Amino acid sequence: DVQLQASGGGLVQAGGSVRLSCEVSGRTFDDYAVAWFRQAPGKEREAVSCISNSDATYYSDSVKSRFTISRDNAENTVYLQMNSLEPDDTAVYYCAAQRSFKGGTYYYQTSNYDYWGQGTLVTVSS
């Protein structure tokens, strides 16, 4: 089976930066697309960013130009560098892995992901 461990969340002031990590274990990491989703209190879970197994990247409009996703196949880890943070970025951030990447058009659909991590809380104070 595949396990995902998200880490790196915390409290940060608006305008600051945080880097999240998602360590993937249990299967061949190179075969998986990995995405970050977030869920704010009272809101639905939404896609933030995705990186395919061929390193294609996708971002939601709300984070484009502020967030950067990357992967280190040697470390079996995907990172989300979040800069210029805003209070609206406050949420629990989840990473998820997809065995057969459905393509960039569908990266935002939670149903396409086979495995999920436990989430890490990012709080941005104003």
N, C-alpha and C. Protein backbone atom coordinates (compact mmCIF):
# COMPACT_ATOMS: atom_id res chain seq x y z
N ASP A 1 0.84 -1.19 0.00
CA ASP A 1 0.00 0.00 0.00
C ASP A 1 0.88 1.25 0.00
N VAL A 2 0.26 2.39 -0.24
CA VAL A 2 0.98 3.66 -0.30
C VAL A 2 0.59 4.51 0.90
N GLN A 3 1.58 5.12 1.52
CA GLN A 3 1.34 6.03 2.63
C GLN A 3 1.91 7.40 2.29
N LEU A 4 1.16 8.43 2.66
CA LEU A 4 1.60 9.81 2.45
C LEU A 4 1.67 10.51 3.79
N GLN A 5 2.76 11.21 4.03
CA GLN A 5 2.95 11.94 5.27
C GLN A 5 3.20 13.40 4.94
N ALA A 6 2.23 14.25 5.27
CA ALA A 6 2.37 15.68 5.03
C ALA A 6 2.93 16.35 6.28
N SER A 7 3.78 17.34 6.06
CA SER A 7 4.37 18.07 7.18
C SER A 7 4.75 19.48 6.74
N GLY A 8 5.08 20.32 7.71
CA GLY A 8 5.58 21.66 7.40
C GLY A 8 4.64 22.79 7.71
N GLY A 9 3.41 22.48 8.11
CA GLY A 9 2.47 23.54 8.41
C GLY A 9 2.83 24.28 9.69
N GLY A 10 2.12 25.38 9.91
CA GLY A 10 2.35 26.17 11.12
C GLY A 10 1.69 27.52 11.00
N LEU A 11 2.08 28.40 11.91
CA LEU A 11 1.54 29.76 11.95
C LEU A 11 2.53 30.71 11.28
N VAL A 12 2.04 31.51 10.36
CA VAL A 12 2.90 32.45 9.64
C VAL A 12 2.14 33.75 9.44
N GLN A 13 2.86 34.84 9.40
CA GLN A 13 2.23 36.14 9.15
C GLN A 13 1.97 36.34 7.66
N ALA A 14 0.99 37.13 7.36
CA ALA A 14 0.70 37.46 5.97
C ALA A 14 1.95 38.02 5.30
N GLY A 15 2.17 37.58 4.07
CA GLY A 15 3.37 37.97 3.35
C GLY A 15 4.54 37.02 3.54
N GLY A 16 4.41 36.11 4.49
CA GLY A 16 5.49 35.18 4.78
C GLY A 16 5.45 33.95 3.88
N SER A 17 6.33 32.99 4.20
CA SER A 17 6.49 31.79 3.38
C SER A 17 6.50 30.54 4.24
N VAL A 18 6.06 29.46 3.65
CA VAL A 18 6.08 28.15 4.29
C VAL A 18 6.36 27.12 3.20
N ARG A 19 7.09 26.07 3.57
CA ARG A 19 7.28 24.97 2.64
C ARG A 19 6.68 23.70 3.23
N LEU A 20 5.75 23.12 2.51
CA LEU A 20 5.15 21.85 2.92
C LEU A 20 5.87 20.70 2.23
N SER A 21 5.92 19.58 2.92
CA SER A 21 6.52 18.36 2.38
C SER A 21 5.51 17.23 2.41
N CYS A 22 5.56 16.38 1.42
CA CYS A 22 4.72 15.18 1.38
C CYS A 22 5.63 14.01 1.03
N GLU A 23 5.89 13.18 2.03
CA GLU A 23 6.73 12.00 1.82
C GLU A 23 5.84 10.82 1.45
N VAL A 24 6.18 10.15 0.37
CA VAL A 24 5.39 9.04 -0.16
C VAL A 24 6.18 7.75 0.01
N SER A 25 5.56 6.75 0.59
CA SER A 25 6.25 5.48 0.79
C SER A 25 5.34 4.33 0.38
N GLY A 26 5.96 3.21 0.07
CA GLY A 26 5.20 1.99 -0.17
C GLY A 26 5.17 1.50 -1.59
N ARG A 27 5.34 2.38 -2.57
CA ARG A 27 5.32 1.98 -3.97
C ARG A 27 6.37 2.78 -4.74
N THR A 28 6.43 2.54 -6.02
CA THR A 28 7.38 3.27 -6.86
C THR A 28 6.91 4.71 -6.99
N PHE A 29 7.62 5.59 -6.30
CA PHE A 29 7.22 7.00 -6.25
C PHE A 29 7.15 7.61 -7.64
N ASP A 30 8.08 7.23 -8.52
CA ASP A 30 8.16 7.85 -9.84
C ASP A 30 6.87 7.67 -10.65
N ASP A 31 6.07 6.66 -10.32
CA ASP A 31 4.88 6.36 -11.11
C ASP A 31 3.69 7.25 -10.77
N TYR A 32 3.79 8.01 -9.69
CA TYR A 32 2.63 8.71 -9.17
C TYR A 32 2.64 10.21 -9.46
N ALA A 33 1.49 10.71 -9.82
CA ALA A 33 1.26 12.15 -9.76
C ALA A 33 0.84 12.48 -8.32
N VAL A 34 1.31 13.60 -7.84
CA VAL A 34 1.00 14.01 -6.47
C VAL A 34 0.44 15.43 -6.47
N ALA A 35 -0.59 15.61 -5.71
CA ALA A 35 -1.24 16.93 -5.66
C ALA A 35 -1.38 17.40 -4.22
N TRP A 36 -1.55 18.70 -4.10
CA TRP A 36 -1.91 19.31 -2.83
C TRP A 36 -3.33 19.87 -2.95
N PHE A 37 -4.12 19.57 -1.93
CA PHE A 37 -5.46 20.13 -1.78
C PHE A 37 -5.48 20.88 -0.46
N ARG A 38 -6.48 21.71 -0.29
CA ARG A 38 -6.66 22.38 1.00
C ARG A 38 -8.14 22.50 1.31
N GLN A 39 -8.39 22.58 2.62
CA GLN A 39 -9.77 22.72 3.08
C GLN A 39 -9.80 23.71 4.23
N ALA A 40 -10.47 24.81 4.00
CA ALA A 40 -10.65 25.83 5.02
C ALA A 40 -11.91 25.51 5.82
N PRO A 41 -12.02 26.01 7.04
CA PRO A 41 -13.21 25.75 7.84
C PRO A 41 -14.49 26.16 7.12
N GLY A 42 -15.45 25.24 7.06
CA GLY A 42 -16.73 25.54 6.44
C GLY A 42 -16.73 25.53 4.93
N LYS A 43 -15.61 25.16 4.32
CA LYS A 43 -15.52 25.16 2.86
C LYS A 43 -15.19 23.77 2.34
N GLU A 44 -15.43 23.58 1.06
CA GLU A 44 -15.10 22.31 0.43
C GLU A 44 -13.60 22.21 0.17
N ARG A 45 -13.15 20.98 0.06
CA ARG A 45 -11.76 20.76 -0.27
C ARG A 45 -11.51 21.20 -1.71
N GLU A 46 -10.41 21.91 -1.92
CA GLU A 46 -10.11 22.42 -3.25
C GLU A 46 -8.68 22.08 -3.65
N ALA A 47 -8.49 21.89 -4.93
CA ALA A 47 -7.15 21.60 -5.44
C ALA A 47 -6.30 22.86 -5.44
N VAL A 48 -5.04 22.68 -5.08
CA VAL A 48 -4.09 23.79 -5.06
C VAL A 48 -3.08 23.64 -6.19
N SER A 49 -2.49 22.45 -6.27
CA SER A 49 -1.43 22.24 -7.25
C SER A 49 -1.20 20.76 -7.44
N CYS A 50 -0.62 20.41 -8.58
CA CYS A 50 -0.34 19.01 -8.88
C CYS A 50 0.94 18.92 -9.70
N ILE A 51 1.69 17.86 -9.47
CA ILE A 51 2.87 17.58 -10.31
C ILE A 51 2.74 16.15 -10.81
N SER A 52 2.86 15.98 -12.10
CA SER A 52 2.70 14.65 -12.69
C SER A 52 3.98 13.84 -12.53
N ASN A 53 3.92 12.59 -12.92
CA ASN A 53 5.11 11.75 -12.86
C ASN A 53 6.15 12.16 -13.91
N SER A 54 5.76 13.01 -14.85
CA SER A 54 6.72 13.54 -15.82
C SER A 54 7.06 15.00 -15.54
N ASP A 55 6.74 15.45 -14.33
CA ASP A 55 7.09 16.78 -13.83
C ASP A 55 6.28 17.93 -14.45
N ALA A 56 5.18 17.63 -15.11
CA ALA A 56 4.27 18.71 -15.53
C ALA A 56 3.59 19.25 -14.27
N THR A 57 3.42 20.57 -14.22
CA THR A 57 2.85 21.17 -13.02
C THR A 57 1.57 21.94 -13.35
N TYR A 58 0.69 22.00 -12.37
CA TYR A 58 -0.60 22.64 -12.52
C TYR A 58 -0.91 23.40 -11.24
N TYR A 59 -1.55 24.55 -11.38
CA TYR A 59 -1.86 25.40 -10.23
C TYR A 59 -3.27 25.96 -10.35
N SER A 60 -3.91 26.15 -9.21
CA SER A 60 -5.17 26.88 -9.22
C SER A 60 -4.86 28.36 -9.45
N ASP A 61 -5.85 29.06 -9.96
CA ASP A 61 -5.64 30.49 -10.25
C ASP A 61 -5.30 31.28 -9.00
N SER A 62 -5.82 30.86 -7.86
CA SER A 62 -5.63 31.62 -6.63
C SER A 62 -4.21 31.55 -6.09
N VAL A 63 -3.43 30.56 -6.52
CA VAL A 63 -2.07 30.43 -5.98
C VAL A 63 -0.99 30.56 -7.05
N LYS A 64 -1.41 30.59 -8.30
CA LYS A 64 -0.44 30.71 -9.39
C LYS A 64 0.43 31.93 -9.15
N SER A 65 1.70 31.81 -9.38
CA SER A 65 2.73 32.84 -9.21
C SER A 65 3.16 33.02 -7.74
N ARG A 66 2.44 32.41 -6.80
CA ARG A 66 2.85 32.49 -5.40
C ARG A 66 3.37 31.16 -4.87
N PHE A 67 2.82 30.06 -5.37
CA PHE A 67 3.18 28.72 -4.90
C PHE A 67 3.97 28.00 -5.98
N THR A 68 4.88 27.13 -5.55
CA THR A 68 5.65 26.31 -6.48
C THR A 68 5.68 24.87 -5.99
N ILE A 69 5.29 23.96 -6.84
CA ILE A 69 5.33 22.53 -6.50
C ILE A 69 6.54 21.91 -7.16
N SER A 70 7.17 20.97 -6.46
CA SER A 70 8.33 20.27 -7.02
C SER A 70 8.39 18.88 -6.41
N ARG A 71 9.19 18.03 -7.01
CA ARG A 71 9.33 16.68 -6.47
C ARG A 71 10.80 16.28 -6.51
N ASP A 72 11.17 15.49 -5.51
CA ASP A 72 12.52 14.93 -5.43
C ASP A 72 12.35 13.42 -5.43
N ASN A 73 12.57 12.80 -6.57
CA ASN A 73 12.34 11.37 -6.68
C ASN A 73 13.32 10.56 -5.83
N ALA A 74 14.50 11.09 -5.58
CA ALA A 74 15.47 10.39 -4.74
C ALA A 74 15.00 10.34 -3.29
N GLU A 75 14.24 11.36 -2.88
CA GLU A 75 13.76 11.43 -1.50
C GLU A 75 12.30 11.00 -1.37
N ASN A 76 11.66 10.63 -2.50
CA ASN A 76 10.24 10.24 -2.49
C ASN A 76 9.37 11.33 -1.85
N THR A 77 9.67 12.56 -2.18
CA THR A 77 9.00 13.68 -1.53
C THR A 77 8.56 14.72 -2.56
N VAL A 78 7.39 15.27 -2.32
CA VAL A 78 6.87 16.40 -3.09
C VAL A 78 6.80 17.60 -2.15
N TYR A 79 7.21 18.74 -2.66
CA TYR A 79 7.22 19.97 -1.87
C TYR A 79 6.23 20.98 -2.43
N LEU A 80 5.72 21.81 -1.56
CA LEU A 80 4.91 22.95 -1.97
C LEU A 80 5.50 24.18 -1.29
N GLN A 81 6.19 25.00 -2.06
CA GLN A 81 6.73 26.25 -1.55
C GLN A 81 5.65 27.32 -1.69
N MET A 82 5.26 27.89 -0.57
CA MET A 82 4.18 28.87 -0.56
C MET A 82 4.74 30.22 -0.13
N ASN A 83 4.70 31.19 -1.03
CA ASN A 83 5.20 32.53 -0.77
C ASN A 83 4.06 33.55 -0.79
N SER A 84 4.34 34.71 -0.27
CA SER A 84 3.34 35.80 -0.26
C SER A 84 2.00 35.32 0.29
N LEU A 85 2.06 34.64 1.41
CA LEU A 85 0.86 34.04 1.97
C LEU A 85 -0.15 35.09 2.40
N GLU A 86 -1.41 34.74 2.26
CA GLU A 86 -2.53 35.62 2.59
C GLU A 86 -3.41 34.91 3.62
N PRO A 87 -4.17 35.66 4.40
CA PRO A 87 -5.07 35.00 5.37
C PRO A 87 -6.02 33.99 4.70
N ASP A 88 -6.41 34.22 3.46
CA ASP A 88 -7.29 33.28 2.77
C ASP A 88 -6.61 31.95 2.44
N ASP A 89 -5.31 31.88 2.62
CA ASP A 89 -4.60 30.61 2.42
C ASP A 89 -4.68 29.71 3.66
N THR A 90 -5.25 30.22 4.73
CA THR A 90 -5.41 29.42 5.94
C THR A 90 -6.30 28.21 5.67
N ALA A 91 -5.76 27.03 5.95
CA ALA A 91 -6.49 25.79 5.68
C ALA A 91 -5.67 24.61 6.16
N VAL A 92 -6.31 23.45 6.18
CA VAL A 92 -5.58 22.20 6.32
C VAL A 92 -5.19 21.77 4.91
N TYR A 93 -3.91 21.51 4.72
CA TYR A 93 -3.38 21.13 3.42
C TYR A 93 -3.15 19.62 3.40
N TYR A 94 -3.67 18.98 2.37
CA TYR A 94 -3.56 17.53 2.20
C TYR A 94 -2.77 17.23 0.92
N CYS A 95 -1.96 16.19 0.97
CA CYS A 95 -1.37 15.71 -0.26
C CYS A 95 -2.05 14.40 -0.66
N ALA A 96 -2.07 14.14 -1.95
CA ALA A 96 -2.75 12.97 -2.48
C ALA A 96 -1.96 12.44 -3.67
N ALA A 97 -2.03 11.14 -3.88
CA ALA A 97 -1.27 10.50 -4.96
C ALA A 97 -2.21 9.78 -5.92
N GLN A 98 -1.86 9.88 -7.19
CA GLN A 98 -2.67 9.30 -8.25
C GLN A 98 -1.78 8.37 -9.07
N ARG A 99 -2.16 7.09 -9.16
CA ARG A 99 -1.33 6.10 -9.84
C ARG A 99 -1.30 6.30 -11.35
N SER A 100 -2.43 6.48 -11.97
CA SER A 100 -2.52 6.66 -13.43
C SER A 100 -3.02 8.08 -13.68
N PHE A 101 -2.11 8.95 -13.99
CA PHE A 101 -2.44 10.37 -14.11
C PHE A 101 -3.46 10.58 -15.23
N LYS A 102 -4.54 11.25 -14.87
CA LYS A 102 -5.64 11.46 -15.82
C LYS A 102 -5.42 12.69 -16.69
N GLY A 103 -4.36 13.45 -16.40
CA GLY A 103 -4.08 14.63 -17.19
C GLY A 103 -4.40 15.91 -16.45
N GLY A 104 -3.83 17.01 -16.93
CA GLY A 104 -3.96 18.28 -16.23
C GLY A 104 -5.39 18.79 -16.14
N THR A 105 -6.21 18.40 -17.09
CA THR A 105 -7.59 18.87 -17.09
C THR A 105 -8.36 18.38 -15.86
N TYR A 106 -7.93 17.24 -15.31
CA TYR A 106 -8.68 16.60 -14.24
C TYR A 106 -7.95 16.58 -12.91
N TYR A 107 -6.85 17.33 -12.80
CA TYR A 107 -6.04 17.20 -11.59
C TYR A 107 -6.78 17.68 -10.35
N TYR A 108 -7.81 18.51 -10.52
CA TYR A 108 -8.50 19.10 -9.39
C TYR A 108 -9.58 18.18 -8.80
N GLN A 109 -9.85 17.05 -9.45
CA GLN A 109 -10.93 16.17 -9.00
C GLN A 109 -10.43 15.22 -7.92
N THR A 110 -10.98 15.33 -6.73
CA THR A 110 -10.54 14.49 -5.62
C THR A 110 -10.75 13.02 -5.90
N SER A 111 -11.75 12.67 -6.69
CA SER A 111 -12.06 11.26 -6.95
C SER A 111 -10.98 10.56 -7.78
N ASN A 112 -10.09 11.32 -8.40
CA ASN A 112 -9.03 10.72 -9.22
C ASN A 112 -7.84 10.26 -8.40
N TYR A 113 -7.83 10.55 -7.11
CA TYR A 113 -6.67 10.24 -6.29
C TYR A 113 -6.90 8.97 -5.49
N ASP A 114 -5.85 8.15 -5.45
CA ASP A 114 -5.95 6.83 -4.83
C ASP A 114 -5.57 6.84 -3.35
N TYR A 115 -4.70 7.74 -2.97
CA TYR A 115 -4.18 7.76 -1.60
C TYR A 115 -4.10 9.20 -1.10
N TRP A 116 -4.35 9.35 0.21
CA TRP A 116 -4.35 10.67 0.83
C TRP A 116 -3.51 10.66 2.09
N GLY A 117 -2.86 11.79 2.34
CA GLY A 117 -2.16 11.99 3.61
C GLY A 117 -3.12 12.55 4.65
N GLN A 118 -2.59 12.78 5.84
CA GLN A 118 -3.44 13.15 6.97
C GLN A 118 -3.68 14.64 7.08
N GLY A 119 -2.96 15.48 6.37
CA GLY A 119 -3.18 16.91 6.42
C GLY A 119 -2.25 17.62 7.38
N THR A 120 -1.92 18.86 7.04
CA THR A 120 -1.12 19.71 7.91
C THR A 120 -1.73 21.12 7.87
N LEU A 121 -1.85 21.73 9.04
CA LEU A 121 -2.55 23.00 9.16
C LEU A 121 -1.61 24.17 8.90
N VAL A 122 -2.04 25.06 8.02
CA VAL A 122 -1.34 26.31 7.78
C VAL A 122 -2.27 27.45 8.20
N THR A 123 -1.79 28.28 9.10
CA THR A 123 -2.57 29.42 9.57
C THR A 123 -1.81 30.69 9.23
N VAL A 124 -2.47 31.58 8.49
CA VAL A 124 -1.83 32.83 8.09
C VAL A 124 -2.53 33.97 8.83
N SER A 125 -1.78 34.65 9.66
CA SER A 125 -2.35 35.76 10.45
C SER A 125 -2.18 37.08 9.69
N SER A 126 -3.17 37.95 9.89
CA SER A 126 -3.12 39.25 9.19
C SER A 126 -2.38 40.30 9.99
